[in-house]
Amino acid sequence: MEHTKAYQEFKKNGNTKFVRYSEGAEMYHMSVSKFMQMAKNAKAIYKLGQLVLVNLKIFDEYIETFHIVDDEFYK
């Protein structure tokens, strides 16, 4: 799979703050539609005219709310 330039930059230095839907979906290994829905639920979307960007800091904080800490789950 060929990675986008933004994805390569993110992996290289880890300081990317905003990504497009397709780049974010690739980074998180999920479909674009799933990434779009999760970004919307996280309220991490910025729209600049026709350009839509997702704030990764907000998105990451939202993802952390799904962390399963119950030991019973892992047995």
C-alpha atoms as a PDB file:
ATOM      1  CA  MET A   1       0.000   0.000   0.000  1.00  0.00           C
ATOM      2  CA  GLU A   2       1.381   3.391  -0.963  1.00  0.00           C
ATOM      3  CA  HIS A   3       1.076   5.959   1.812  1.00  0.00           C
ATOM      4  CA  THR A   4       0.159   9.595   1.278  1.00  0.00           C
ATOM      5  CA  LYS A   5       2.705  12.321   1.831  1.00  0.00           C
ATOM      6  CA  ALA A   6       0.885  13.559   4.955  1.00  0.00           C
ATOM      7  CA  TYR A   7       0.857  10.049   6.396  1.00  0.00           C
ATOM      8  CA  GLN A   8       4.603   9.703   5.767  1.00  0.00           C
ATOM      9  CA  GLU A   9       5.212  13.100   7.397  1.00  0.00           C
ATOM     10  CA  PHE A  10       3.136  12.113  10.420  1.00  0.00           C
ATOM     11  CA  LYS A  11       5.019   8.848  10.865  1.00  0.00           C
ATOM     12  CA  LYS A  12       8.307  10.668  10.360  1.00  0.00           C
ATOM     13  CA  ASN A  13       7.924  13.406  12.971  1.00  0.00           C
ATOM     14  CA  GLY A  14       4.559  12.856  14.669  1.00  0.00           C
ATOM     15  CA  ASN A  15       3.560  16.516  14.831  1.00  0.00           C
ATOM     16  CA  THR A  16       0.772  16.670  12.248  1.00  0.00           C
ATOM     17  CA  LYS A  17      -2.232  18.408  13.763  1.00  0.00           C
ATOM     18  CA  PHE A  18      -4.786  18.265  10.929  1.00  0.00           C
ATOM     19  CA  VAL A  19      -5.482  15.662   8.244  1.00  0.00           C
ATOM     20  CA  ARG A  20      -8.017  15.109   5.503  1.00  0.00           C
ATOM     21  CA  TYR A  21     -10.500  12.267   5.795  1.00  0.00           C
ATOM     22  CA  SER A  22      -8.592   9.906   3.506  1.00  0.00           C
ATOM     23  CA  GLU A  23      -5.292  10.494   5.295  1.00  0.00           C
ATOM     24  CA  GLY A  24      -6.843  10.010   8.721  1.00  0.00           C
ATOM     25  CA  ALA A  25      -8.586   6.820   7.648  1.00  0.00           C
ATOM     26  CA  GLU A  26      -5.270   5.459   6.405  1.00  0.00           C
ATOM     27  CA  MET A  27      -3.481   6.464   9.613  1.00  0.00           C
ATOM     28  CA  TYR A  28      -6.052   4.767  11.839  1.00  0.00           C
ATOM     29  CA  HIS A  29      -6.532   1.751   9.561  1.00  0.00           C
ATOM     30  CA  MET A  30     -10.273   2.216   9.094  1.00  0.00           C
ATOM     31  CA  SER A  31     -12.635   3.033   6.254  1.00  0.00           C
ATOM     32  CA  VAL A  32     -13.089   6.647   5.219  1.00  0.00           C
ATOM     33  CA  SER A  33     -16.785   6.548   6.125  1.00  0.00           C
ATOM     34  CA  LYS A  34     -16.012   5.226   9.636  1.00  0.00           C
ATOM     35  CA  PHE A  35     -13.326   7.899  10.124  1.00  0.00           C
ATOM     36  CA  MET A  36     -15.741  10.603   8.941  1.00  0.00           C
ATOM     37  CA  GLN A  37     -18.438   9.458  11.368  1.00  0.00           C
ATOM     38  CA  MET A  38     -16.041   9.226  14.305  1.00  0.00           C
ATOM     39  CA  ALA A  39     -14.559  12.662  13.527  1.00  0.00           C
ATOM     40  CA  LYS A  40     -18.082  14.086  13.456  1.00  0.00           C
ATOM     41  CA  ASN A  41     -18.960  12.423  16.774  1.00  0.00           C
ATOM     42  CA  ALA A  42     -15.717  13.751  18.267  1.00  0.00           C
ATOM     43  CA  LYS A  43     -16.519  17.269  17.023  1.00  0.00           C
ATOM     44  CA  ALA A  44     -13.017  17.363  15.540  1.00  0.00           C
ATOM     45  CA  ILE A  45     -13.974  18.696  12.088  1.00  0.00           C
ATOM     46  CA  TYR A  46     -12.856  22.039  10.677  1.00  0.00           C
ATOM     47  CA  LYS A  47     -14.386  23.220   7.402  1.00  0.00           C
ATOM     48  CA  LEU A  48     -12.602  25.875   5.378  1.00  0.00           C
ATOM     49  CA  GLY A  49     -14.769  26.440   2.309  1.00  0.00           C
ATOM     50  CA  GLN A  50     -14.681  23.087   0.530  1.00  0.00           C
ATOM     51  CA  LEU A  51     -11.675  21.849   2.498  1.00  0.00           C
ATOM     52  CA  VAL A  52     -12.465  19.611   5.472  1.00  0.00           C
ATOM     53  CA  LEU A  53      -9.796  18.870   8.068  1.00  0.00           C
ATOM     54  CA  VAL A  54      -9.839  16.735  11.201  1.00  0.00           C
ATOM     55  CA  ASN A  55      -8.000  17.805  14.338  1.00  0.00           C
ATOM     56  CA  LEU A  56      -6.041  14.731  15.432  1.00  0.00           C
ATOM     57  CA  LYS A  57      -5.629  15.879  19.029  1.00  0.00           C
ATOM     58  CA  ILE A  58      -9.403  16.054  19.518  1.00  0.00           C
ATOM     59  CA  PHE A  59      -9.885  12.816  17.572  1.00  0.00           C
ATOM     60  CA  ASP A  60      -7.314  10.984  19.733  1.00  0.00           C
ATOM     61  CA  GLU A  61      -8.987  12.193  22.930  1.00  0.00           C
ATOM     62  CA  TYR A  62     -12.307  10.876  21.607  1.00  0.00           C
ATOM     63  CA  ILE A  63     -10.765   7.500  20.724  1.00  0.00           C
ATOM     64  CA  GLU A  64      -9.440   7.187  24.293  1.00  0.00           C
ATOM     65  CA  THR A  65     -13.027   7.222  25.602  1.00  0.00           C
ATOM     66  CA  PHE A  66     -13.410   3.735  24.097  1.00  0.00           C
ATOM     67  CA  HIS A  67     -10.514   2.276  26.103  1.00  0.00           C
ATOM     68  CA  ILE A  68     -11.662  -0.863  27.909  1.00  0.00           C
ATOM     69  CA  VAL A  69     -10.187  -1.016  31.400  1.00  0.00           C
ATOM     70  CA  ASP A  70     -12.354  -3.800  32.838  1.00  0.00           C
ATOM     71  CA  ASP A  71     -10.144  -6.837  33.551  1.00  0.00           C
ATOM     72  CA  GLU A  72     -13.084  -9.179  32.963  1.00  0.00           C
ATOM     73  CA  PHE A  73     -13.095  -8.217  29.288  1.00  0.00           C
ATOM     74  CA  TYR A  74      -9.566  -9.565  28.805  1.00  0.00           C
ATOM     75  CA  LYS A  75     -10.151 -12.993  30.385  1.00  0.00           C
END
